[in-house]
Amino acid sequence: MRLKTALICAALVGFSTVAACASPAVVASQDPSMAGDGRVDVSVERNGDRWTAEYVLDRDAPAWAFFRSALLRESRQPWRPAWWRVETPGVVLERIGDYDVLRSTDGGPVPRNVRIAMTPRPGDLEAEYDPALVFSDGTVALFSGQFDVIPLESAAAARALPRDLNGVDVPGGPASVTWRDRAGPVLFKGERAPQVTAVDAQTYVLFGDATTRRGEGITTVIDPGLPRWLGDELAGFTPRVMAYYAQRLGRAQGEAPTLMVSWTGPTRSLSSMGGSVLPGLISMNFEGEGVLAPDAQALARAHWFIGHEAAHFWLGSQGLKYQYAREAWITEGGADLMAVRALKAINPAYDDRAELQREVDDCITLAAGKPVASAGDRGDNRAYYACGAVWGLVIEAAERRAGGGDFFDVVADFQRRDNDDGVLSRDEWLGALTRLSRDPTLANDISTMLDQGVANPSAVIARLFQRTGVAFRLDNGRVILI
């Protein structure tokens, strides 16, 4: 059986974009009868301050690797060994290769029943969903996919697992997870229930009494501690920008989305926005004194942030997805450019050139001498956003010359051509660029930046812009948009 990686999108730290994106799994069930049918069963429970995950494993194996084992962004350390404690004797949790692994201490099979005590806390992961969103009133939302495990023939076999499991067949499959809170119902996909059992749900499950509000095509769950101006902007601007995307690209697939927003607190000297998109859900987290008051910079970044996350309902979540994690530039850079174009359309005073210049500058810095495709391995996920947006400008300019359109017309064409499997591959993206421009050297130059790296990205980007008609000038070797 094949497990599929999930989509993790923008995270803004100190108003800098730093995350990557992976394609979402789509199979979900709320049918309790599916539990125990050749699957690992997990019961996740909150009882007061105690959180537990009770595993019932479906086979004998000396080790089990956690399918999602991303590192914490700031420290680049694994989070589970510090936040989870195995209570079952003879079982340990440790990092092996790129994965967190449950293994038996005697080399034999891990017991079929394993109990883990959890301590949910805020944590920003590299190119992955945060395991928990912690609200200021004690409400906690847990990401459903963090409990999936893979049986291994040995603990050492974890070292052979590739970092990117997109398209890789592994044994087992997604776990059947049951969620319950001794204090009352949980919130699952917009609905309250005393208990929920789901397989591959791809969502956050909310424990607590957070208030939900419905309106203008979106349900909001907003931390009561969030600065009021920011909550109002999120609730008001999100439907506006999504309406613009729907006008240009058609209605987003699936049900009306839920916006879930947590607040870490007014940390001094910090302005942090983080978030991700799942089918039917936008999750966001804010932190820092820099967002306490609605100054112009904070407002502009909040709008851009909302625009980027909302864009993934068409490019990266419920819409077109990339094939492999190394192709995150397709959806992340595309969402960046969609956000810029949407914000300019909604507010003509928006300084779109400044935002796009930042993309150009960051791409040049992060691509110098390094292949962009492997940026995620280095923790340089920002390269996917910046260089993807720069290449988005290139294909947009080719579209403009060919038919007078913009980047939304490019995405609309991708929708028409690639809607059968919902995947927009690198070959399809570069093929479209060649078809529009009739210049195969453009795709060749981008491929070189992706696979080999270039010593002077400024020169390569200048050539790409010159051949497609992106307006720029060179100032002491720096590419400056005009």
Protein backbone atom coordinates (compact mmCIF):
# COMPACT_ATOMS: atom_id res chain seq x y z
CA MET A 1 0.00 0.00 0.00
CA ARG A 2 1.21 3.50 -0.65
CA LEU A 3 1.17 6.28 1.88
CA LYS A 4 1.18 9.75 0.42
CA THR A 5 2.85 12.84 1.78
CA ALA A 6 0.73 15.87 2.62
CA LEU A 7 0.74 19.50 1.65
CA ILE A 8 2.52 21.98 3.88
CA CYS A 9 2.58 25.50 2.69
CA ALA A 10 3.67 28.97 3.66
CA ALA A 11 5.26 29.84 6.94
CA LEU A 12 6.37 33.39 7.54
CA VAL A 13 8.92 33.98 10.26
CA GLY A 14 9.89 37.56 10.93
CA PHE A 15 7.98 38.28 7.72
CA SER A 16 10.22 35.96 5.71
CA THR A 17 8.75 33.02 3.79
CA VAL A 18 10.31 29.72 4.76
CA ALA A 19 8.52 26.46 3.97
CA ALA A 20 7.85 23.90 1.29
CA CYS A 21 4.92 21.98 -0.03
CA ALA A 22 4.05 18.33 -0.68
CA SER A 23 1.09 16.71 -2.32
CA PRO A 24 -1.95 15.84 -0.26
CA ALA A 25 -3.44 12.45 0.37
CA VAL A 26 -7.16 12.42 -0.33
CA VAL A 27 -8.67 9.27 1.18
CA ALA A 28 -10.61 9.95 4.39
CA SER A 29 -13.23 8.08 6.37
CA GLN A 30 -15.28 8.74 9.46
CA ASP A 31 -16.60 5.18 9.53
CA PRO A 32 -15.56 3.46 12.79
CA SER A 33 -16.12 0.10 11.13
CA MET A 34 -12.89 0.62 9.16
CA ALA A 35 -10.83 0.41 12.36
CA GLY A 36 -8.87 -2.81 12.78
CA ASP A 37 -9.30 -3.98 9.17
CA GLY A 38 -5.65 -4.68 8.36
CA ARG A 39 -4.61 -1.28 9.67
CA VAL A 40 -2.73 0.14 12.58
CA ASP A 41 -5.29 1.51 15.06
CA VAL A 42 -4.49 4.56 17.17
CA SER A 43 -6.62 6.03 19.96
CA VAL A 44 -5.75 9.65 20.71
CA GLU A 45 -7.26 10.92 23.94
CA ARG A 46 -7.12 13.98 26.14
CA ASN A 47 -8.00 13.40 29.79
CA GLY A 48 -7.50 16.70 31.61
CA ASP A 49 -3.82 17.59 31.15
CA ARG A 50 -2.86 14.07 30.07
CA TRP A 51 -2.59 13.27 26.37
CA THR A 52 -2.05 9.72 25.15
CA ALA A 53 -1.77 7.85 21.88
CA GLU A 54 -2.56 4.12 22.21
CA TYR A 55 -1.26 2.06 19.27
CA VAL A 56 -2.61 -1.34 18.26
CA LEU A 57 -0.14 -2.53 15.63
CA ASP A 58 -1.38 -4.87 12.91
CA ARG A 59 1.72 -7.05 12.54
CA ASP A 60 4.97 -8.09 14.19
CA ALA A 61 7.92 -5.87 13.32
CA PRO A 62 11.08 -4.94 15.25
CA ALA A 63 10.70 -1.27 14.34
CA TRP A 64 8.13 1.24 13.07
CA ALA A 65 9.09 4.51 11.40
CA PHE A 66 6.85 7.56 11.61
CA PHE A 67 5.88 8.51 8.09
CA ARG A 68 6.08 12.24 8.86
CA SER A 69 9.34 12.92 10.66
CA ALA A 70 10.26 16.49 9.76
CA LEU A 71 12.70 18.49 11.86
CA LEU A 72 11.99 21.63 13.84
CA ARG A 73 12.86 24.55 11.61
CA GLU A 74 14.84 26.65 14.06
CA SER A 75 16.98 23.92 15.63
CA ARG A 76 16.84 21.31 12.85
CA GLN A 77 16.27 18.71 15.57
CA PRO A 78 13.53 16.03 15.75
CA TRP A 79 10.54 17.00 17.90
CA ARG A 80 9.07 13.64 18.92
CA PRO A 81 11.87 12.40 21.23
CA ALA A 82 11.46 15.56 23.36
CA TRP A 83 7.66 15.83 23.24
CA TRP A 84 6.57 12.18 23.29
CA ARG A 85 7.40 9.57 25.96
CA VAL A 86 6.90 5.84 25.37
CA GLU A 87 5.27 4.26 28.42
CA THR A 88 5.35 0.67 27.17
CA PRO A 89 8.33 -1.28 28.62
CA GLY A 90 10.87 -2.54 26.10
CA VAL A 91 10.12 0.13 23.47
CA VAL A 92 12.12 3.29 22.73
CA LEU A 93 11.59 6.25 20.42
CA GLU A 94 14.69 7.56 18.67
CA ARG A 95 15.93 9.22 15.50
CA ILE A 96 17.40 6.95 12.83
CA GLY A 97 18.37 8.53 9.51
CA ASP A 98 15.61 10.92 8.47
CA TYR A 99 12.91 9.25 10.58
CA ASP A 100 11.62 8.99 14.13
CA VAL A 101 11.46 5.28 14.93
CA LEU A 102 9.77 3.08 17.54
CA ARG A 103 11.95 0.02 18.15
CA SER A 104 12.14 -2.82 20.61
CA THR A 105 15.11 -2.80 22.97
CA ASP A 106 15.76 -6.55 22.59
CA GLY A 107 15.63 -6.69 18.78
CA GLY A 108 12.39 -8.67 18.76
CA PRO A 109 9.00 -7.45 17.56
CA VAL A 110 7.62 -4.28 19.06
CA PRO A 111 4.65 -5.23 21.31
CA ARG A 112 1.36 -5.01 19.44
CA ASN A 113 0.06 -2.52 22.02
CA VAL A 114 2.14 0.62 22.62
CA ARG A 115 1.17 3.61 24.74
CA ILE A 116 2.74 7.05 24.23
CA ALA A 117 2.27 10.05 26.50
CA MET A 118 2.27 13.28 24.48
CA THR A 119 2.95 16.91 25.37
CA PRO A 120 1.41 19.02 22.58
CA ARG A 121 3.21 22.31 22.10
CA PRO A 122 3.71 24.88 19.35
CA GLY A 123 6.46 23.93 16.93
CA ASP A 124 7.34 25.09 13.42
CA LEU A 125 8.50 22.18 11.25
CA GLU A 126 10.44 22.15 8.01
CA ALA A 127 8.15 21.59 5.05
CA GLU A 128 5.55 19.80 7.14
CA TYR A 129 2.42 20.47 9.14
CA ASP A 130 3.00 21.54 12.71
CA PRO A 131 1.99 18.65 14.98
CA ALA A 132 -0.13 20.93 17.19
CA LEU A 133 -1.74 24.36 17.17
CA VAL A 134 -2.01 25.57 20.75
CA PHE A 135 -4.56 28.28 21.52
CA SER A 136 -4.24 30.79 24.34
CA ASP A 137 -7.38 29.45 26.08
CA GLY A 138 -6.08 25.86 26.28
CA THR A 139 -7.71 24.66 23.07
CA VAL A 140 -5.40 22.39 21.06
CA ALA A 141 -5.63 21.21 17.45
CA LEU A 142 -3.67 18.08 16.51
CA PHE A 143 -2.60 17.26 12.96
CA SER A 144 -4.14 13.94 12.00
CA GLY A 145 -1.26 12.61 9.90
CA GLN A 146 1.43 12.64 12.59
CA PHE A 147 0.42 9.17 13.82
CA ASP A 148 0.99 7.14 10.62
CA VAL A 149 3.76 4.54 10.88
CA ILE A 150 5.65 2.20 8.54
CA PRO A 151 6.70 -1.34 9.61
CA LEU A 152 10.40 -2.07 9.12
CA GLU A 153 12.41 -5.30 8.95
CA SER A 154 14.93 -3.73 11.31
CA ALA A 155 15.55 -0.40 13.00
CA ALA A 156 18.58 0.11 10.76
CA ALA A 157 16.30 -0.11 7.70
CA ALA A 158 15.08 3.39 8.51
CA ARG A 159 18.36 4.74 7.14
CA ALA A 160 17.50 3.38 3.71
CA LEU A 161 14.16 5.21 3.51
CA PRO A 162 14.35 8.18 1.13
CA ARG A 163 13.63 11.59 2.60
CA ASP A 164 10.88 12.19 0.01
CA LEU A 165 8.37 9.33 -0.02
CA ASN A 166 6.20 10.79 -2.80
CA GLY A 167 5.58 7.97 -5.24
CA VAL A 168 7.41 5.41 -3.06
CA ASP A 169 5.61 2.20 -2.11
CA VAL A 170 6.06 1.34 1.55
CA PRO A 171 4.46 -1.44 3.60
CA GLY A 172 1.33 -0.80 5.59
CA GLY A 173 -0.89 2.18 5.07
CA PRO A 174 -2.43 5.12 6.88
CA ALA A 175 -3.58 4.39 10.40
CA SER A 176 -7.16 4.39 11.59
CA VAL A 177 -7.18 7.08 14.28
CA THR A 178 -9.88 7.55 16.90
CA TRP A 179 -10.12 10.96 18.58
CA ARG A 180 -11.80 11.62 21.92
CA ASP A 181 -11.71 14.23 24.65
CA ARG A 182 -12.96 13.34 28.13
CA ALA A 183 -14.03 17.01 28.53
CA GLY A 184 -16.47 16.99 25.61
CA PRO A 185 -16.85 16.69 21.82
CA VAL A 186 -13.99 17.24 19.38
CA LEU A 187 -14.27 19.40 16.26
CA PHE A 188 -13.59 17.41 13.07
CA LYS A 189 -13.96 19.02 9.65
CA GLY A 190 -16.34 21.69 10.91
CA GLU A 191 -18.56 19.34 12.94
CA ARG A 192 -18.64 18.49 16.66
CA ALA A 193 -18.75 14.82 17.70
CA PRO A 194 -18.16 12.90 20.95
CA GLN A 195 -15.73 10.63 19.12
CA VAL A 196 -14.40 10.42 15.56
CA THR A 197 -12.59 7.59 13.76
CA ALA A 198 -10.85 8.49 10.51
CA VAL A 199 -8.36 7.09 8.03
CA ASP A 200 -6.02 9.51 6.25
CA ALA A 201 -8.22 12.43 7.29
CA GLN A 202 -5.72 15.19 6.34
CA THR A 203 -6.97 17.77 8.82
CA TYR A 204 -6.52 19.25 12.28
CA VAL A 205 -8.76 17.87 15.03
CA LEU A 206 -9.72 20.46 17.64
CA PHE A 207 -9.87 19.67 21.38
CA GLY A 208 -11.56 22.42 23.38
CA ASP A 209 -14.35 24.97 23.37
CA ALA A 210 -13.10 27.36 20.70
CA THR A 211 -15.93 29.32 19.12
CA THR A 212 -16.70 28.71 15.45
CA ARG A 213 -18.25 31.34 13.19
CA ARG A 214 -19.78 30.76 9.78
CA GLY A 215 -20.09 33.43 7.12
CA GLU A 216 -19.32 34.42 3.52
CA GLY A 217 -18.40 30.91 2.43
CA ILE A 218 -15.87 30.25 5.20
CA THR A 219 -15.99 28.93 8.77
CA THR A 220 -13.53 30.53 11.18
CA VAL A 221 -12.04 29.22 14.44
CA ILE A 222 -9.97 32.08 15.84
CA ASP A 223 -7.97 32.12 19.06
CA PRO A 224 -9.68 34.53 21.50
CA GLY A 225 -6.26 35.93 22.40
CA LEU A 226 -5.45 36.97 18.83
CA PRO A 227 -5.24 40.78 18.41
CA ARG A 228 -8.72 41.82 17.36
CA TRP A 229 -7.65 43.77 14.28
CA LEU A 230 -5.88 40.70 12.93
CA GLY A 231 -8.87 38.44 13.54
CA ASP A 232 -11.11 40.92 11.73
CA GLU A 233 -8.71 41.06 8.78
CA LEU A 234 -8.50 37.28 8.54
CA ALA A 235 -12.27 36.86 8.69
CA GLY A 236 -12.92 39.70 6.24
CA PHE A 237 -10.08 39.55 3.72
CA THR A 238 -9.95 35.77 3.24
CA PRO A 239 -13.39 35.59 1.52
CA ARG A 240 -12.46 38.59 -0.67
CA VAL A 241 -9.26 37.10 -2.00
CA MET A 242 -10.85 33.68 -2.46
CA ALA A 243 -13.68 35.31 -4.42
CA TYR A 244 -11.09 36.87 -6.72
CA TYR A 245 -9.42 33.51 -7.29
CA ALA A 246 -12.80 31.93 -8.01
CA GLN A 247 -13.56 34.70 -10.50
CA ARG A 248 -10.32 34.01 -12.38
CA LEU A 249 -10.04 30.23 -12.01
CA GLY A 250 -13.49 28.92 -11.17
CA ARG A 251 -14.84 27.72 -7.85
CA ALA A 252 -12.43 25.79 -5.64
CA GLN A 253 -13.08 22.07 -5.40
CA GLY A 254 -14.60 20.60 -2.25
CA GLU A 255 -16.58 22.07 0.60
CA ALA A 256 -16.36 25.64 1.87
CA PRO A 257 -13.11 25.95 3.84
CA THR A 258 -12.46 26.38 7.55
CA LEU A 259 -9.93 28.95 8.75
CA MET A 260 -8.24 27.91 12.03
CA VAL A 261 -6.03 30.54 13.68
CA SER A 262 -3.94 30.17 16.84
CA TRP A 263 -2.01 32.82 18.81
CA THR A 264 1.28 31.99 20.53
CA GLY A 265 1.54 35.34 22.29
CA PRO A 266 3.20 38.79 22.11
CA THR A 267 6.81 37.62 22.12
CA ARG A 268 9.15 40.61 22.20
CA SER A 269 11.03 41.69 19.05
CA LEU A 270 9.13 39.20 16.88
CA SER A 271 6.53 39.34 14.13
CA SER A 272 5.78 35.81 13.03
CA MET A 273 3.11 34.37 10.76
CA GLY A 274 2.97 30.67 9.97
CA GLY A 275 0.46 28.46 8.26
CA SER A 276 -0.50 25.60 6.03
CA VAL A 277 -3.32 24.36 3.84
CA LEU A 278 -5.13 21.03 3.88
CA PRO A 279 -8.19 20.03 1.88
CA GLY A 280 -10.94 22.24 3.28
CA LEU A 281 -8.75 23.86 5.93
CA ILE A 282 -6.40 26.83 6.22
CA SER A 283 -4.43 26.82 9.47
CA MET A 284 -2.49 29.85 10.68
CA ASN A 285 -0.41 30.76 13.69
CA PHE A 286 0.66 34.25 14.77
CA GLU A 287 3.20 35.34 17.35
CA GLY A 288 4.99 38.48 18.45
CA GLU A 289 4.54 42.06 19.53
CA GLY A 290 4.94 43.13 15.90
CA VAL A 291 1.36 42.12 15.11
CA LEU A 292 -0.29 43.62 18.20
CA ALA A 293 -1.26 46.80 16.35
CA PRO A 294 -2.39 47.26 12.71
CA ASP A 295 0.60 49.11 11.28
CA ALA A 296 0.95 49.31 7.51
CA GLN A 297 3.70 46.69 7.23
CA ALA A 298 1.91 44.14 9.41
CA LEU A 299 -1.33 44.70 7.49
CA ALA A 300 0.37 44.27 4.11
CA ARG A 301 2.10 41.07 5.23
CA ALA A 302 -1.11 39.68 6.70
CA HIS A 303 -2.94 40.30 3.41
CA TRP A 304 -0.12 38.73 1.41
CA PHE A 305 -0.05 35.76 3.78
CA ILE A 306 -3.78 35.20 3.40
CA GLY A 307 -3.45 35.53 -0.38
CA HIS A 308 -0.72 32.90 -0.52
CA GLU A 309 -2.54 30.40 1.66
CA ALA A 310 -5.85 30.88 -0.16
CA ALA A 311 -4.11 30.38 -3.52
CA HIS A 312 -3.31 26.80 -2.56
CA PHE A 313 -6.96 25.85 -2.91
CA TRP A 314 -6.35 26.17 -6.64
CA LEU A 315 -2.61 25.47 -6.87
CA GLY A 316 -1.29 23.02 -4.31
CA SER A 317 -4.09 21.64 -2.13
CA GLN A 318 -7.51 20.91 -3.58
CA GLY A 319 -6.33 22.08 -6.99
CA LEU A 320 -3.23 21.18 -8.99
CA LYS A 321 -0.45 19.49 -7.00
CA TYR A 322 3.19 18.78 -7.74
CA GLN A 323 4.56 15.28 -8.22
CA TYR A 324 7.63 15.25 -5.96
CA ALA A 325 8.74 17.40 -3.01
CA ARG A 326 11.68 18.72 -5.05
CA GLU A 327 9.08 20.31 -7.36
CA ALA A 328 7.57 22.45 -4.61
CA TRP A 329 8.63 25.53 -6.60
CA ILE A 330 5.66 24.89 -8.90
CA THR A 331 3.02 25.39 -6.20
CA GLU A 332 4.88 27.61 -3.72
CA GLY A 333 6.27 30.07 -6.25
CA GLY A 334 2.98 29.95 -8.11
CA ALA A 335 1.02 30.75 -4.94
CA ASP A 336 3.39 33.64 -4.21
CA LEU A 337 2.78 35.13 -7.65
CA MET A 338 -0.97 34.53 -7.46
CA ALA A 339 -1.06 36.38 -4.13
CA VAL A 340 0.83 39.36 -5.55
CA ARG A 341 -1.42 39.60 -8.60
CA ALA A 342 -4.60 39.21 -6.53
CA LEU A 343 -3.59 41.85 -3.98
CA LYS A 344 -2.77 44.31 -6.75
CA ALA A 345 -6.16 43.69 -8.35
CA ILE A 346 -7.99 44.16 -5.03
CA ASN A 347 -5.91 47.17 -3.95
CA PRO A 348 -4.26 49.14 -6.79
CA ALA A 349 -2.06 50.95 -4.23
CA TYR A 350 -0.38 47.67 -3.23
CA ASP A 351 3.37 47.73 -3.98
CA ASP A 352 3.61 44.56 -6.05
CA ARG A 353 7.01 45.47 -7.50
CA ALA A 354 8.62 45.52 -4.04
CA GLU A 355 7.30 42.04 -3.25
CA LEU A 356 8.45 40.63 -6.57
CA GLN A 357 11.87 42.27 -6.18
CA ARG A 358 12.25 40.42 -2.91
CA GLU A 359 11.54 37.17 -4.76
CA VAL A 360 14.23 37.97 -7.35
CA ASP A 361 16.81 38.93 -4.72
CA ASP A 362 16.13 35.84 -2.60
CA CYS A 363 16.26 33.48 -5.58
CA ILE A 364 19.63 34.87 -6.64
CA THR A 365 21.00 34.50 -3.11
CA LEU A 366 19.70 30.98 -2.51
CA ALA A 367 20.44 29.57 -5.98
CA ALA A 368 24.08 30.67 -6.17
CA GLY A 369 26.14 27.55 -6.79
CA LYS A 370 23.42 25.24 -5.43
CA PRO A 371 20.75 23.16 -7.22
CA VAL A 372 17.32 24.54 -6.39
CA ALA A 373 15.71 21.09 -6.62
CA SER A 374 17.63 19.90 -3.54
CA ALA A 375 17.03 23.06 -1.50
CA GLY A 376 14.72 21.17 0.86
CA ASP A 377 17.53 18.77 1.80
CA ARG A 378 19.59 21.79 2.89
CA GLY A 379 16.74 23.40 4.81
CA ASP A 380 16.64 26.23 2.23
CA ASN A 381 12.95 25.83 1.44
CA ARG A 382 12.62 29.56 0.77
CA ALA A 383 14.36 28.85 -2.57
CA TYR A 384 11.25 27.02 -3.78
CA TYR A 385 9.12 30.10 -3.15
CA ALA A 386 11.49 32.72 -4.53
CA CYS A 387 12.77 30.92 -7.61
CA GLY A 388 9.32 29.48 -8.34
CA ALA A 389 7.91 33.03 -8.35
CA VAL A 390 10.75 34.25 -10.59
CA TRP A 391 10.10 31.45 -13.06
CA GLY A 392 6.40 32.27 -12.74
CA LEU A 393 7.21 35.77 -14.01
CA VAL A 394 8.98 34.16 -16.96
CA ILE A 395 6.06 31.93 -17.98
CA GLU A 396 3.63 34.80 -17.36
CA ALA A 397 5.63 37.02 -19.73
CA ALA A 398 5.63 34.25 -22.33
CA GLU A 399 1.84 33.98 -21.93
CA ARG A 400 1.49 37.75 -22.35
CA ARG A 401 3.47 37.72 -25.59
CA ALA A 402 1.58 34.70 -26.92
CA GLY A 403 -1.96 35.79 -26.10
CA GLY A 404 -2.03 38.84 -23.85
CA GLY A 405 -2.84 36.97 -20.64
CA ASP A 406 -1.32 36.86 -17.15
CA PHE A 407 -0.30 34.20 -14.63
CA PHE A 408 -3.92 33.32 -13.85
CA ASP A 409 -4.39 32.45 -17.52
CA VAL A 410 -1.33 30.19 -17.26
CA VAL A 411 -2.83 28.41 -14.23
CA ALA A 412 -6.22 28.14 -15.97
CA ASP A 413 -4.52 26.44 -18.92
CA PHE A 414 -2.80 24.03 -16.55
CA GLN A 415 -6.20 23.27 -15.02
CA ARG A 416 -7.63 22.41 -18.42
CA ARG A 417 -4.67 20.30 -19.51
CA ASP A 418 -3.75 18.54 -16.25
CA ASN A 419 -7.03 18.11 -14.43
CA ASP A 420 -7.31 14.34 -15.02
CA ASP A 421 -4.81 13.35 -12.33
CA GLY A 422 -4.60 16.69 -10.53
CA VAL A 423 -0.80 16.65 -10.81
CA LEU A 424 1.23 19.40 -12.45
CA SER A 425 4.64 17.88 -13.09
CA ARG A 426 7.89 19.66 -13.82
CA ASP A 427 7.89 18.33 -17.39
CA GLU A 428 4.37 19.66 -17.94
CA TRP A 429 5.28 23.08 -16.52
CA LEU A 430 8.46 23.41 -18.57
CA GLY A 431 6.70 22.02 -21.64
CA ALA A 432 4.08 24.75 -21.35
CA LEU A 433 6.84 27.37 -21.15
CA THR A 434 8.40 26.05 -24.35
CA ARG A 435 5.02 25.87 -26.07
CA LEU A 436 4.22 29.49 -25.18
CA SER A 437 7.64 30.95 -25.89
CA ARG A 438 8.77 28.67 -28.71
CA ASP A 439 12.19 28.90 -27.10
CA PRO A 440 13.47 25.62 -25.57
CA THR A 441 16.54 27.35 -24.11
CA LEU A 442 14.31 28.85 -21.41
CA ALA A 443 13.41 25.43 -20.03
CA ASN A 444 17.04 24.35 -20.38
CA ASP A 445 18.26 27.28 -18.26
CA ILE A 446 15.66 26.62 -15.55
CA SER A 447 16.55 22.91 -15.57
CA THR A 448 20.20 23.80 -15.05
CA MET A 449 19.30 25.98 -12.06
CA LEU A 450 17.19 23.14 -10.70
CA ASP A 451 19.55 20.21 -11.19
CA GLN A 452 23.09 21.55 -11.25
CA GLY A 453 23.05 25.06 -9.86
CA VAL A 454 24.71 28.05 -11.51
CA ALA A 455 27.57 30.21 -10.31
CA ASN A 456 25.86 33.45 -11.35
CA PRO A 457 22.06 33.25 -11.02
CA SER A 458 21.74 36.98 -11.79
CA ALA A 459 23.06 36.43 -15.30
CA VAL A 460 20.77 33.44 -15.93
CA ILE A 461 17.68 35.24 -14.61
CA ALA A 462 18.54 38.34 -16.65
CA ARG A 463 18.67 36.19 -19.79
CA LEU A 464 15.35 34.55 -18.94
CA PHE A 465 13.74 37.96 -18.41
CA GLN A 466 15.27 39.45 -21.55
CA ARG A 467 14.08 36.63 -23.81
CA THR A 468 10.50 36.71 -22.51
CA GLY A 469 10.00 40.44 -21.99
CA VAL A 470 10.03 40.83 -18.19
CA ALA A 471 10.95 44.48 -17.62
CA PHE A 472 14.20 44.87 -15.69
CA ARG A 473 17.54 46.65 -15.59
CA LEU A 474 20.97 45.60 -14.37
CA ASP A 475 22.63 47.71 -11.69
CA ASN A 476 26.17 46.49 -10.90
CA GLY A 477 25.05 42.97 -11.72
CA ARG A 478 21.84 43.13 -9.69
CA VAL A 479 18.59 42.33 -11.51
CA ILE A 480 16.12 45.11 -10.69
CA LEU A 481 12.50 44.93 -11.83
CA ILE A 482 11.07 48.04 -13.46
